[in-house]
């Protein structure tokens, strides 16, 4: 009975978050904070946006670009990287604490554990961040897969660095901040995929050899 109630609660929460994500879009919210960009309140507003981001599924790059627009590249890069790590902790913790019951969650947890056991914690997170895959599933998979917090943080910093540099640079180049102008360079995407494949080549080869023995 308790496991059924837990599944219902998780399902209702997922539906509520989906509705929130559909309603609260960056293009609607970010323009509202433009008036705070030059004020002393902006750091608090920025922290609030980073806290909200994992619940509404905003791309991390949007906030990284906003940081670059406000602080420039040199100051903005460490700030945006810190924000990317902190905002990823919510789904990471959720992946660690949500019971692995039910068919869908159980498969997700089992698959995550198998992936990180073969790839390793840091390498697995770096490869997933570079791929690039959606931020929330990657963070939740790391939590469900048993990746330690230091390994998760290090992997997130390394894997998010190229995307953060690109986003902060885009934001810094703007004269007026616009969400629609935060576009992904497909050459960077291709390079990220190539590096991710290279990182996972050895663990995949080991897994294939072990399976055929």
N, C-alpha and C. Protein backbone atom coordinates (compact mmCIF):
# COMPACT_ATOMS: atom_id res chain seq x y z
N UNK A 1 0.83 -1.21 0.00
CA UNK A 1 0.00 0.00 0.00
C UNK A 1 0.87 1.26 0.00
N UNK A 2 1.93 1.24 0.84
CA UNK A 2 2.79 2.41 0.92
C UNK A 2 3.51 2.66 -0.39
N UNK A 3 4.00 1.57 -1.05
CA UNK A 3 4.69 1.74 -2.32
C UNK A 3 3.74 2.28 -3.38
N UNK A 4 2.46 1.84 -3.34
CA UNK A 4 1.49 2.36 -4.30
C UNK A 4 1.25 3.84 -4.07
N UNK A 5 1.15 4.24 -2.84
CA UNK A 5 0.97 5.67 -2.53
C UNK A 5 2.18 6.48 -2.97
N UNK A 6 3.36 5.90 -2.76
CA UNK A 6 4.58 6.60 -3.19
C UNK A 6 4.59 6.81 -4.70
N UNK A 7 4.22 5.77 -5.45
CA UNK A 7 4.18 5.89 -6.91
C UNK A 7 3.16 6.93 -7.35
N UNK A 8 1.99 6.94 -6.69
CA UNK A 8 0.98 7.94 -7.02
C UNK A 8 1.48 9.35 -6.72
N UNK A 9 2.16 9.50 -5.58
CA UNK A 9 2.68 10.83 -5.22
C UNK A 9 3.73 11.29 -6.22
N UNK A 10 4.62 10.37 -6.61
CA UNK A 10 5.64 10.72 -7.59
C UNK A 10 5.01 11.07 -8.93
N UNK A 11 3.98 10.31 -9.31
CA UNK A 11 3.29 10.59 -10.57
C UNK A 11 2.60 11.93 -10.57
N UNK A 12 1.91 12.25 -9.49
CA UNK A 12 1.24 13.54 -9.39
C UNK A 12 2.25 14.69 -9.38
N UNK A 13 3.37 14.49 -8.70
CA UNK A 13 4.41 15.52 -8.68
C UNK A 13 4.98 15.73 -10.08
N UNK A 14 5.18 14.64 -10.82
CA UNK A 14 5.70 14.76 -12.18
C UNK A 14 4.73 15.53 -13.08
N UNK A 15 3.43 15.24 -12.93
CA UNK A 15 2.42 15.95 -13.73
C UNK A 15 2.41 17.44 -13.38
N UNK A 16 2.50 17.74 -12.06
CA UNK A 16 2.51 19.14 -11.64
C UNK A 16 3.73 19.87 -12.17
N UNK A 17 4.90 19.22 -12.12
CA UNK A 17 6.11 19.85 -12.63
C UNK A 17 6.05 20.03 -14.14
N UNK A 18 5.43 19.08 -14.84
CA UNK A 18 5.28 19.21 -16.29
C UNK A 18 4.40 20.42 -16.62
N UNK A 19 3.30 20.56 -15.87
CA UNK A 19 2.45 21.73 -16.09
C UNK A 19 3.17 23.03 -15.79
N UNK A 20 3.98 23.03 -14.74
CA UNK A 20 4.75 24.23 -14.40
C UNK A 20 5.77 24.54 -15.48
N UNK A 21 6.42 23.48 -16.01
CA UNK A 21 7.42 23.69 -17.06
C UNK A 21 6.80 24.25 -18.32
N UNK A 22 5.59 23.81 -18.65
CA UNK A 22 4.91 24.31 -19.85
C UNK A 22 4.51 25.76 -19.67
N UNK A 23 4.11 26.11 -18.46
CA UNK A 23 3.60 27.46 -18.19
C UNK A 23 4.72 28.48 -18.01
N UNK A 24 5.73 28.11 -17.23
CA UNK A 24 6.81 29.04 -16.87
C UNK A 24 7.97 28.83 -17.82
N UNK A 25 8.00 29.56 -18.90
CA UNK A 25 9.06 29.45 -19.89
C UNK A 25 10.06 30.59 -19.73
N UNK A 26 11.34 30.36 -20.10
CA UNK A 26 12.35 31.42 -19.96
C UNK A 26 11.98 32.70 -20.70
N UNK A 27 11.38 32.56 -21.88
CA UNK A 27 11.03 33.74 -22.68
C UNK A 27 10.02 34.62 -21.97
N UNK A 28 9.25 34.04 -21.04
CA UNK A 28 8.28 34.82 -20.28
C UNK A 28 8.88 35.42 -19.02
N UNK A 29 9.77 34.66 -18.39
CA UNK A 29 10.25 35.06 -17.06
C UNK A 29 11.47 35.97 -17.16
N UNK A 30 12.45 35.60 -18.02
CA UNK A 30 13.71 36.34 -18.06
C UNK A 30 13.51 37.82 -18.37
N UNK A 31 12.62 38.20 -19.32
CA UNK A 31 12.43 39.65 -19.54
C UNK A 31 11.98 40.41 -18.31
N UNK A 32 11.33 39.71 -17.38
CA UNK A 32 10.86 40.37 -16.16
C UNK A 32 12.00 40.77 -15.24
N UNK A 33 13.16 40.12 -15.39
CA UNK A 33 14.28 40.42 -14.49
C UNK A 33 15.23 41.44 -15.09
N UNK A 34 14.94 41.92 -16.29
CA UNK A 34 15.84 42.90 -16.90
C UNK A 34 15.97 44.15 -16.06
N UNK A 35 14.90 44.53 -15.38
CA UNK A 35 14.95 45.75 -14.56
C UNK A 35 15.86 45.59 -13.35
N UNK A 36 16.21 44.33 -13.01
CA UNK A 36 17.06 44.10 -11.83
C UNK A 36 18.52 43.91 -12.21
N UNK A 37 18.85 43.90 -13.51
CA UNK A 37 20.20 43.58 -13.94
C UNK A 37 21.24 44.52 -13.35
N UNK A 38 20.91 45.78 -13.24
CA UNK A 38 21.88 46.77 -12.74
C UNK A 38 21.70 47.05 -11.25
N UNK A 39 20.80 46.33 -10.60
CA UNK A 39 20.52 46.62 -9.20
C UNK A 39 21.29 45.67 -8.29
N UNK A 40 21.33 46.02 -7.02
CA UNK A 40 22.02 45.17 -6.04
C UNK A 40 21.22 43.91 -5.73
N UNK A 41 19.96 43.84 -6.22
CA UNK A 41 19.11 42.68 -5.98
C UNK A 41 19.37 41.55 -6.98
N UNK A 42 20.12 41.85 -8.05
CA UNK A 42 20.27 40.85 -9.10
C UNK A 42 20.87 39.53 -8.60
N UNK A 43 21.89 39.51 -7.74
CA UNK A 43 22.40 38.21 -7.26
C UNK A 43 21.33 37.34 -6.61
N UNK A 44 20.44 37.97 -5.84
CA UNK A 44 19.36 37.19 -5.22
C UNK A 44 18.38 36.69 -6.27
N UNK A 45 18.07 37.53 -7.25
CA UNK A 45 17.18 37.11 -8.34
C UNK A 45 17.81 35.95 -9.10
N UNK A 46 19.10 36.04 -9.36
CA UNK A 46 19.81 34.99 -10.09
C UNK A 46 19.78 33.67 -9.32
N UNK A 47 20.01 33.74 -8.02
CA UNK A 47 19.95 32.52 -7.21
C UNK A 47 18.55 31.92 -7.23
N UNK A 48 17.53 32.77 -7.22
CA UNK A 48 16.17 32.27 -7.31
C UNK A 48 15.90 31.58 -8.64
N UNK A 49 16.43 32.12 -9.73
CA UNK A 49 16.26 31.50 -11.04
C UNK A 49 16.97 30.15 -11.11
N UNK A 50 18.16 30.08 -10.55
CA UNK A 50 18.88 28.80 -10.53
C UNK A 50 18.14 27.77 -9.66
N UNK A 51 17.54 28.23 -8.57
CA UNK A 51 16.77 27.31 -7.71
C UNK A 51 15.52 26.81 -8.42
N UNK A 52 14.91 27.67 -9.23
CA UNK A 52 13.68 27.29 -9.95
C UNK A 52 13.98 26.41 -11.16
N UNK A 53 15.13 26.59 -11.79
CA UNK A 53 15.44 25.98 -13.08
C UNK A 53 15.21 24.47 -13.16
N UNK A 54 15.70 23.65 -12.20
CA UNK A 54 15.52 22.21 -12.37
C UNK A 54 14.06 21.76 -12.31
N UNK A 55 13.20 22.56 -11.68
CA UNK A 55 11.79 22.19 -11.57
C UNK A 55 10.99 22.52 -12.83
N UNK A 56 11.51 23.43 -13.65
CA UNK A 56 10.79 23.83 -14.86
C UNK A 56 11.53 23.42 -16.13
N UNK A 57 12.70 22.79 -15.97
CA UNK A 57 13.41 22.25 -17.12
C UNK A 57 14.03 23.27 -18.05
N UNK A 58 14.38 24.44 -17.53
CA UNK A 58 15.04 25.43 -18.39
C UNK A 58 16.44 24.95 -18.75
N UNK A 59 16.91 25.25 -19.97
CA UNK A 59 18.31 24.95 -20.30
C UNK A 59 19.26 25.76 -19.42
N UNK A 60 20.32 25.12 -18.94
CA UNK A 60 21.29 25.81 -18.11
C UNK A 60 21.94 26.95 -18.89
N UNK A 61 22.06 26.78 -20.22
CA UNK A 61 22.72 27.79 -21.05
C UNK A 61 22.04 29.14 -20.99
N UNK A 62 20.72 29.16 -20.80
CA UNK A 62 20.01 30.44 -20.74
C UNK A 62 20.49 31.26 -19.55
N UNK A 63 20.60 30.62 -18.40
CA UNK A 63 21.06 31.35 -17.21
C UNK A 63 22.55 31.66 -17.30
N UNK A 64 23.32 30.77 -17.92
CA UNK A 64 24.75 31.06 -18.12
C UNK A 64 24.93 32.29 -19.00
N UNK A 65 24.09 32.40 -20.05
CA UNK A 65 24.16 33.58 -20.92
C UNK A 65 23.75 34.84 -20.16
N UNK A 66 22.75 34.71 -19.28
CA UNK A 66 22.33 35.85 -18.47
C UNK A 66 23.45 36.30 -17.56
N UNK A 67 24.18 35.35 -16.99
CA UNK A 67 25.33 35.66 -16.14
C UNK A 67 26.41 36.37 -16.95
N UNK A 68 26.67 35.86 -18.16
CA UNK A 68 27.67 36.50 -19.01
C UNK A 68 27.27 37.91 -19.40
N UNK A 69 25.99 38.13 -19.64
CA UNK A 69 25.50 39.46 -19.99
C UNK A 69 25.72 40.45 -18.84
N UNK A 70 25.53 39.97 -17.62
CA UNK A 70 25.63 40.85 -16.45
C UNK A 70 27.07 41.01 -15.96
N UNK A 71 27.85 39.93 -15.95
CA UNK A 71 29.16 39.97 -15.30
C UNK A 71 30.33 39.87 -16.26
N UNK A 72 30.10 39.58 -17.54
CA UNK A 72 31.21 39.40 -18.45
C UNK A 72 31.76 37.98 -18.38
N UNK A 73 32.85 37.72 -19.12
CA UNK A 73 33.37 36.36 -19.23
C UNK A 73 34.21 35.97 -18.02
N UNK A 74 35.14 36.81 -17.61
CA UNK A 74 36.07 36.43 -16.54
C UNK A 74 35.36 36.17 -15.22
N UNK A 75 34.46 37.05 -14.84
CA UNK A 75 33.70 36.86 -13.60
C UNK A 75 32.53 35.90 -13.83
N UNK A 76 31.92 36.00 -15.01
CA UNK A 76 30.73 35.21 -15.28
C UNK A 76 30.98 33.72 -15.37
N UNK A 77 32.15 33.30 -15.87
CA UNK A 77 32.41 31.88 -16.04
C UNK A 77 32.38 31.10 -14.72
N UNK A 78 33.14 31.51 -13.69
CA UNK A 78 33.04 30.75 -12.43
C UNK A 78 31.67 30.85 -11.79
N UNK A 79 31.00 32.00 -11.92
CA UNK A 79 29.65 32.14 -11.36
C UNK A 79 28.69 31.18 -12.06
N UNK A 80 28.76 31.13 -13.39
CA UNK A 80 27.85 30.26 -14.14
C UNK A 80 28.15 28.78 -13.89
N UNK A 81 29.42 28.42 -13.76
CA UNK A 81 29.76 27.03 -13.44
C UNK A 81 29.24 26.63 -12.07
N UNK A 82 29.40 27.54 -11.10
CA UNK A 82 28.87 27.26 -9.76
C UNK A 82 27.36 27.09 -9.81
N UNK A 83 26.69 27.96 -10.58
CA UNK A 83 25.24 27.84 -10.72
C UNK A 83 24.84 26.53 -11.37
N UNK A 84 25.59 26.10 -12.40
CA UNK A 84 25.28 24.84 -13.07
C UNK A 84 25.40 23.66 -12.11
N UNK A 85 26.42 23.69 -11.26
CA UNK A 85 26.60 22.60 -10.29
C UNK A 85 25.48 22.60 -9.26
N UNK A 86 25.21 23.75 -8.69
CA UNK A 86 24.21 23.84 -7.61
C UNK A 86 22.83 23.44 -8.11
N UNK A 87 22.46 23.93 -9.30
CA UNK A 87 21.13 23.64 -9.81
C UNK A 87 20.98 22.18 -10.20
N UNK A 88 22.11 21.49 -10.46
CA UNK A 88 22.06 20.07 -10.80
C UNK A 88 21.93 19.17 -9.56
N UNK A 89 22.16 19.75 -8.39
CA UNK A 89 22.09 18.94 -7.17
C UNK A 89 20.67 18.48 -6.84
N UNK A 90 19.67 19.25 -7.27
CA UNK A 90 18.29 18.88 -6.96
C UNK A 90 17.92 17.54 -7.59
N UNK A 91 18.05 17.37 -8.92
CA UNK A 91 17.75 16.06 -9.48
C UNK A 91 18.72 14.96 -9.04
N UNK A 92 19.97 15.33 -8.74
CA UNK A 92 20.93 14.35 -8.25
C UNK A 92 20.46 13.77 -6.92
N UNK A 93 20.08 14.64 -6.00
CA UNK A 93 19.58 14.17 -4.70
C UNK A 93 18.30 13.37 -4.87
N UNK A 94 17.42 13.82 -5.77
CA UNK A 94 16.18 13.09 -6.03
C UNK A 94 16.48 11.68 -6.52
N UNK A 95 17.48 11.55 -7.39
CA UNK A 95 17.86 10.22 -7.88
C UNK A 95 18.38 9.32 -6.79
N UNK A 96 18.99 9.90 -5.77
CA UNK A 96 19.54 9.10 -4.67
C UNK A 96 18.46 8.66 -3.69
N UNK A 97 17.45 9.50 -3.46
CA UNK A 97 16.51 9.23 -2.37
C UNK A 97 15.20 8.59 -2.84
N UNK A 98 14.83 8.74 -4.12
CA UNK A 98 13.57 8.16 -4.59
C UNK A 98 13.70 6.65 -4.62
N UNK A 99 12.78 5.92 -3.99
CA UNK A 99 12.86 4.45 -3.98
C UNK A 99 12.80 3.89 -5.39
N UNK A 100 13.65 2.89 -5.65
CA UNK A 100 13.70 2.27 -6.98
C UNK A 100 12.62 1.21 -7.11
N UNK A 101 11.37 1.60 -6.90
CA UNK A 101 10.24 0.69 -7.01
C UNK A 101 9.44 1.03 -8.25
N UNK A 102 8.74 0.05 -8.75
CA UNK A 102 7.98 0.27 -9.97
C UNK A 102 8.82 -0.06 -11.20
N UNK A 103 8.15 -0.38 -12.29
CA UNK A 103 8.85 -0.83 -13.48
C UNK A 103 9.73 0.27 -14.07
N UNK A 104 9.17 1.48 -14.24
CA UNK A 104 9.91 2.54 -14.91
C UNK A 104 11.09 3.02 -14.06
N UNK A 105 10.83 3.35 -12.79
CA UNK A 105 11.90 3.84 -11.91
C UNK A 105 12.94 2.75 -11.67
N UNK A 106 12.47 1.50 -11.54
CA UNK A 106 13.40 0.40 -11.32
C UNK A 106 14.35 0.21 -12.49
N UNK A 107 13.82 0.29 -13.70
CA UNK A 107 14.67 0.16 -14.89
C UNK A 107 15.65 1.33 -15.00
N UNK A 108 15.15 2.52 -14.69
CA UNK A 108 16.02 3.70 -14.73
C UNK A 108 17.17 3.55 -13.75
N UNK A 109 16.87 3.09 -12.53
CA UNK A 109 17.90 2.93 -11.51
C UNK A 109 18.89 1.84 -11.89
N UNK A 110 18.37 0.72 -12.39
CA UNK A 110 19.25 -0.39 -12.79
C UNK A 110 20.15 0.01 -13.95
N UNK A 111 19.58 0.69 -14.95
CA UNK A 111 20.38 1.14 -16.09
C UNK A 111 21.43 2.15 -15.68
N UNK A 112 21.07 3.05 -14.76
CA UNK A 112 22.03 4.05 -14.29
C UNK A 112 23.19 3.40 -13.56
N UNK A 113 22.88 2.44 -12.70
CA UNK A 113 23.94 1.74 -11.97
C UNK A 113 24.88 1.00 -12.92
N UNK A 114 24.29 0.34 -13.93
CA UNK A 114 25.12 -0.40 -14.88
C UNK A 114 26.02 0.55 -15.67
N UNK A 115 25.47 1.67 -16.09
CA UNK A 115 26.26 2.63 -16.87
C UNK A 115 27.43 3.17 -16.07
N UNK A 116 27.19 3.64 -14.85
CA UNK A 116 28.25 4.27 -14.07
C UNK A 116 29.24 3.24 -13.52
N UNK A 117 28.81 2.01 -13.33
CA UNK A 117 29.76 0.98 -12.94
C UNK A 117 30.77 0.72 -14.05
N UNK A 118 30.32 0.76 -15.30
CA UNK A 118 31.21 0.51 -16.43
C UNK A 118 32.03 1.74 -16.78
N UNK A 119 31.37 2.90 -16.79
CA UNK A 119 32.05 4.13 -17.23
C UNK A 119 32.85 4.79 -16.13
N UNK A 120 32.47 4.58 -14.87
CA UNK A 120 33.07 5.30 -13.77
C UNK A 120 32.30 6.57 -13.48
N UNK A 121 32.40 7.04 -12.25
CA UNK A 121 31.60 8.20 -11.85
C UNK A 121 31.94 9.47 -12.61
N UNK A 122 33.18 9.92 -12.49
CA UNK A 122 33.59 11.17 -13.12
C UNK A 122 33.48 11.07 -14.64
N UNK A 123 34.05 10.00 -15.21
CA UNK A 123 34.04 9.84 -16.66
C UNK A 123 32.61 9.73 -17.19
N UNK A 124 31.76 9.00 -16.47
CA UNK A 124 30.38 8.84 -16.92
C UNK A 124 29.62 10.15 -16.93
N UNK A 125 29.82 10.97 -15.90
CA UNK A 125 29.14 12.26 -15.84
C UNK A 125 29.68 13.20 -16.91
N UNK A 126 31.00 13.25 -17.07
CA UNK A 126 31.61 14.12 -18.09
C UNK A 126 31.07 13.76 -19.47
N UNK A 127 31.08 12.47 -19.80
CA UNK A 127 30.61 12.04 -21.12
C UNK A 127 29.15 12.40 -21.34
N UNK A 128 28.32 12.21 -20.32
CA UNK A 128 26.90 12.52 -20.46
C UNK A 128 26.68 14.02 -20.61
N UNK A 129 27.46 14.83 -19.92
CA UNK A 129 27.32 16.28 -20.05
C UNK A 129 27.78 16.77 -21.43
N UNK A 130 28.81 16.15 -21.95
CA UNK A 130 29.34 16.58 -23.24
C UNK A 130 28.47 16.12 -24.40
N UNK A 131 27.68 15.08 -24.22
CA UNK A 131 27.02 14.39 -25.33
C UNK A 131 26.27 15.26 -26.34
N UNK A 132 25.44 16.26 -25.99
CA UNK A 132 24.91 16.59 -24.67
C UNK A 132 23.55 15.93 -24.49
N UNK A 133 23.26 15.57 -23.26
CA UNK A 133 21.96 15.01 -22.91
C UNK A 133 21.24 16.00 -21.99
N UNK A 134 19.92 15.87 -21.85
CA UNK A 134 19.19 16.76 -20.94
C UNK A 134 19.77 16.73 -19.53
N UNK A 135 19.90 17.89 -18.92
CA UNK A 135 20.62 18.01 -17.65
C UNK A 135 19.97 17.23 -16.53
N UNK A 136 18.65 17.33 -16.40
CA UNK A 136 17.97 16.69 -15.26
C UNK A 136 18.08 15.17 -15.28
N UNK A 137 17.81 14.48 -16.41
CA UNK A 137 17.98 13.03 -16.40
C UNK A 137 19.40 12.58 -16.10
N UNK A 138 20.39 13.33 -16.60
CA UNK A 138 21.78 12.98 -16.32
C UNK A 138 22.06 13.07 -14.82
N UNK A 139 21.63 14.16 -14.20
CA UNK A 139 21.87 14.34 -12.77
C UNK A 139 21.13 13.28 -11.95
N UNK A 140 19.88 13.01 -12.31
CA UNK A 140 19.11 11.99 -11.59
C UNK A 140 19.73 10.61 -11.77
N UNK A 141 20.22 10.33 -12.98
CA UNK A 141 20.86 9.04 -13.23
C UNK A 141 22.13 8.90 -12.40
N UNK A 142 22.90 9.98 -12.26
CA UNK A 142 24.10 9.93 -11.43
C UNK A 142 23.74 9.63 -9.98
N UNK A 143 22.68 10.25 -9.48
CA UNK A 143 22.24 9.95 -8.13
C UNK A 143 21.77 8.52 -7.97
N UNK A 144 20.93 8.06 -8.93
CA UNK A 144 20.42 6.70 -8.86
C UNK A 144 21.52 5.68 -9.10
N UNK A 145 22.55 6.06 -9.85
CA UNK A 145 23.64 5.14 -10.16
C UNK A 145 24.70 5.05 -9.09
N UNK A 146 24.53 5.79 -7.99
CA UNK A 146 25.47 5.69 -6.88
C UNK A 146 26.73 6.49 -7.05
N UNK A 147 26.75 7.48 -7.94
CA UNK A 147 27.93 8.33 -8.11
C UNK A 147 28.10 9.19 -6.85
N UNK A 148 29.30 9.25 -6.32
CA UNK A 148 29.54 10.04 -5.12
C UNK A 148 29.39 11.52 -5.43
N UNK A 149 29.12 12.31 -4.40
CA UNK A 149 28.94 13.74 -4.59
C UNK A 149 30.19 14.42 -5.16
N UNK A 150 31.40 14.14 -4.63
CA UNK A 150 32.60 14.78 -5.23
C UNK A 150 32.77 14.41 -6.71
N UNK A 151 32.54 13.15 -7.06
CA UNK A 151 32.67 12.73 -8.46
C UNK A 151 31.62 13.41 -9.32
N UNK A 152 30.41 13.56 -8.80
CA UNK A 152 29.35 14.22 -9.56
C UNK A 152 29.69 15.69 -9.79
N UNK A 153 30.16 16.36 -8.75
CA UNK A 153 30.50 17.79 -8.88
C UNK A 153 31.64 17.98 -9.87
N UNK A 154 32.70 17.16 -9.74
CA UNK A 154 33.84 17.28 -10.65
C UNK A 154 33.43 16.98 -12.09
N UNK A 155 32.66 15.93 -12.28
CA UNK A 155 32.21 15.58 -13.62
C UNK A 155 31.32 16.65 -14.23
N UNK A 156 30.48 17.27 -13.41
CA UNK A 156 29.60 18.33 -13.89
C UNK A 156 30.42 19.56 -14.29
N UNK A 157 31.39 19.93 -13.47
CA UNK A 157 32.22 21.10 -13.78
C UNK A 157 32.96 20.88 -15.10
N UNK A 158 33.60 19.71 -15.24
CA UNK A 158 34.37 19.44 -16.46
C UNK A 158 33.46 19.36 -17.68
N UNK A 159 32.36 18.63 -17.55
CA UNK A 159 31.47 18.44 -18.69
C UNK A 159 30.70 19.68 -19.10
N UNK A 160 30.41 20.54 -18.14
CA UNK A 160 29.64 21.76 -18.45
C UNK A 160 30.53 22.92 -18.89
N UNK A 161 31.84 22.81 -18.68
CA UNK A 161 32.72 23.94 -18.99
C UNK A 161 32.62 24.42 -20.45
N UNK A 162 32.68 23.54 -21.46
CA UNK A 162 32.57 24.06 -22.84
C UNK A 162 31.26 24.77 -23.11
N UNK A 163 30.14 24.19 -22.63
CA UNK A 163 28.84 24.81 -22.85
C UNK A 163 28.73 26.14 -22.10
N UNK A 164 29.31 26.19 -20.91
CA UNK A 164 29.24 27.40 -20.11
C UNK A 164 30.07 28.52 -20.75
N UNK A 165 31.26 28.18 -21.24
CA UNK A 165 32.08 29.18 -21.92
C UNK A 165 31.32 29.75 -23.12
N UNK A 166 30.71 28.87 -23.90
CA UNK A 166 29.96 29.32 -25.08
C UNK A 166 28.79 30.22 -24.68
N UNK A 167 28.03 29.80 -23.66
CA UNK A 167 26.85 30.57 -23.26
C UNK A 167 27.22 31.90 -22.65
N UNK A 168 28.23 31.91 -21.78
CA UNK A 168 28.67 33.16 -21.16
C UNK A 168 29.18 34.13 -22.22
N UNK A 169 29.91 33.61 -23.20
CA UNK A 169 30.41 34.46 -24.29
C UNK A 169 29.27 35.03 -25.12
N UNK A 170 28.24 34.22 -25.38
CA UNK A 170 27.08 34.71 -26.11
C UNK A 170 26.40 35.84 -25.34
N UNK A 171 26.20 35.62 -24.04
CA UNK A 171 25.56 36.65 -23.23
C UNK A 171 26.37 37.92 -23.17
N UNK A 172 27.69 37.78 -23.08
CA UNK A 172 28.56 38.96 -23.00
C UNK A 172 28.53 39.77 -24.29
N UNK A 173 28.26 39.11 -25.41
CA UNK A 173 28.27 39.79 -26.70
C UNK A 173 26.96 40.54 -26.99
N UNK A 174 25.93 40.33 -26.17
CA UNK A 174 24.65 40.96 -26.43
C UNK A 174 24.64 42.41 -25.94
N UNK A 175 23.90 43.23 -26.66
CA UNK A 175 23.65 44.59 -26.19
C UNK A 175 22.34 44.65 -25.41
N UNK A 176 21.38 43.82 -25.80
CA UNK A 176 20.12 43.65 -25.06
C UNK A 176 19.90 42.16 -24.91
N UNK A 177 19.68 41.71 -23.69
CA UNK A 177 19.56 40.26 -23.48
C UNK A 177 18.29 39.72 -24.10
N UNK A 178 18.43 38.61 -24.83
CA UNK A 178 17.29 37.95 -25.47
C UNK A 178 17.47 36.45 -25.36
N UNK A 179 16.44 35.76 -24.88
CA UNK A 179 16.51 34.31 -24.74
C UNK A 179 16.65 33.65 -26.10
N UNK A 180 15.96 34.18 -27.10
CA UNK A 180 15.99 33.57 -28.44
C UNK A 180 17.37 33.64 -29.08
N UNK A 181 18.22 34.54 -28.60
CA UNK A 181 19.56 34.67 -29.18
C UNK A 181 20.55 33.66 -28.60
N UNK A 182 20.14 32.92 -27.58
CA UNK A 182 21.01 31.91 -26.97
C UNK A 182 20.89 30.64 -27.79
N UNK A 183 21.68 30.52 -28.83
CA UNK A 183 21.61 29.40 -29.76
C UNK A 183 22.85 28.52 -29.60
N UNK A 184 22.66 27.22 -29.81
CA UNK A 184 23.75 26.26 -29.71
C UNK A 184 24.49 26.18 -31.04
N UNK A 185 25.79 26.26 -30.99
CA UNK A 185 26.62 26.08 -32.17
C UNK A 185 26.74 24.57 -32.43
N UNK A 186 26.26 24.12 -33.57
CA UNK A 186 26.24 22.68 -33.84
C UNK A 186 27.64 22.10 -34.01
N UNK A 187 28.62 22.93 -34.32
CA UNK A 187 29.99 22.44 -34.35
C UNK A 187 30.44 22.05 -32.95
N UNK A 188 30.02 22.84 -31.95
CA UNK A 188 30.35 22.51 -30.56
C UNK A 188 29.63 21.24 -30.13
N UNK A 189 28.38 21.08 -30.57
CA UNK A 189 27.64 19.87 -30.27
C UNK A 189 28.36 18.65 -30.84
N UNK A 190 28.78 18.76 -32.11
CA UNK A 190 29.48 17.65 -32.73
C UNK A 190 30.78 17.31 -32.02
N UNK A 191 31.52 18.33 -31.61
CA UNK A 191 32.77 18.10 -30.89
C UNK A 191 32.49 17.43 -29.54
N UNK A 192 31.42 17.87 -28.87
CA UNK A 192 31.06 17.25 -27.59
C UNK A 192 30.71 15.79 -27.74
N UNK A 193 29.98 15.45 -28.79
CA UNK A 193 29.61 14.06 -29.04
C UNK A 193 30.85 13.21 -29.31
N UNK A 194 31.78 13.75 -30.11
CA UNK A 194 33.00 13.01 -30.43
C UNK A 194 33.82 12.73 -29.17
N UNK A 195 33.97 13.74 -28.32
CA UNK A 195 34.74 13.54 -27.07
C UNK A 195 34.03 12.56 -26.15
N UNK A 196 32.70 12.65 -26.07
CA UNK A 196 31.94 11.73 -25.23
C UNK A 196 32.12 10.29 -25.70
N UNK A 197 32.05 10.07 -27.01
CA UNK A 197 32.25 8.72 -27.55
C UNK A 197 33.66 8.23 -27.24
N UNK A 198 34.65 9.11 -27.38
CA UNK A 198 36.03 8.72 -27.09
C UNK A 198 36.20 8.34 -25.62
N UNK A 199 35.54 9.07 -24.73
CA UNK A 199 35.64 8.77 -23.30
C UNK A 199 35.02 7.41 -22.96
N UNK A 200 33.96 7.05 -23.69
CA UNK A 200 33.25 5.82 -23.37
C UNK A 200 33.72 4.62 -24.19
N UNK A 201 34.65 4.85 -25.11
CA UNK A 201 35.08 3.76 -26.01
C UNK A 201 35.66 2.59 -25.23
N UNK A 202 36.55 2.86 -24.28
CA UNK A 202 37.20 1.77 -23.54
C UNK A 202 36.20 1.01 -22.66
N UNK A 203 35.35 1.69 -21.84
CA UNK A 203 34.37 0.93 -21.06
C UNK A 203 33.42 0.11 -21.92
N UNK A 204 33.01 0.65 -23.06
CA UNK A 204 32.12 -0.10 -23.95
C UNK A 204 32.83 -1.32 -24.51
N UNK A 205 34.09 -1.16 -24.90
CA UNK A 205 34.86 -2.29 -25.43
C UNK A 205 35.01 -3.38 -24.38
N UNK A 206 35.27 -2.98 -23.13
CA UNK A 206 35.38 -3.96 -22.04
C UNK A 206 34.06 -4.71 -21.86
N UNK A 207 32.95 -3.97 -21.88
CA UNK A 207 31.64 -4.60 -21.69
C UNK A 207 31.33 -5.58 -22.81
N UNK A 208 31.69 -5.21 -24.04
CA UNK A 208 31.44 -6.11 -25.18
C UNK A 208 32.28 -7.37 -25.06
N UNK A 209 33.57 -7.20 -24.71
CA UNK A 209 34.44 -8.37 -24.56
C UNK A 209 33.95 -9.30 -23.46
N UNK A 210 33.52 -8.71 -22.31
CA UNK A 210 33.02 -9.51 -21.20
C UNK A 210 31.77 -10.27 -21.58
N UNK A 211 30.94 -9.67 -22.41
CA UNK A 211 29.68 -10.32 -22.80
C UNK A 211 29.91 -11.50 -23.73
N UNK A 212 30.97 -11.41 -24.55
CA UNK A 212 31.22 -12.46 -25.52
C UNK A 212 32.17 -13.55 -25.02
N UNK A 213 32.62 -13.43 -23.81
CA UNK A 213 33.49 -14.48 -23.25
C UNK A 213 32.66 -15.69 -22.85
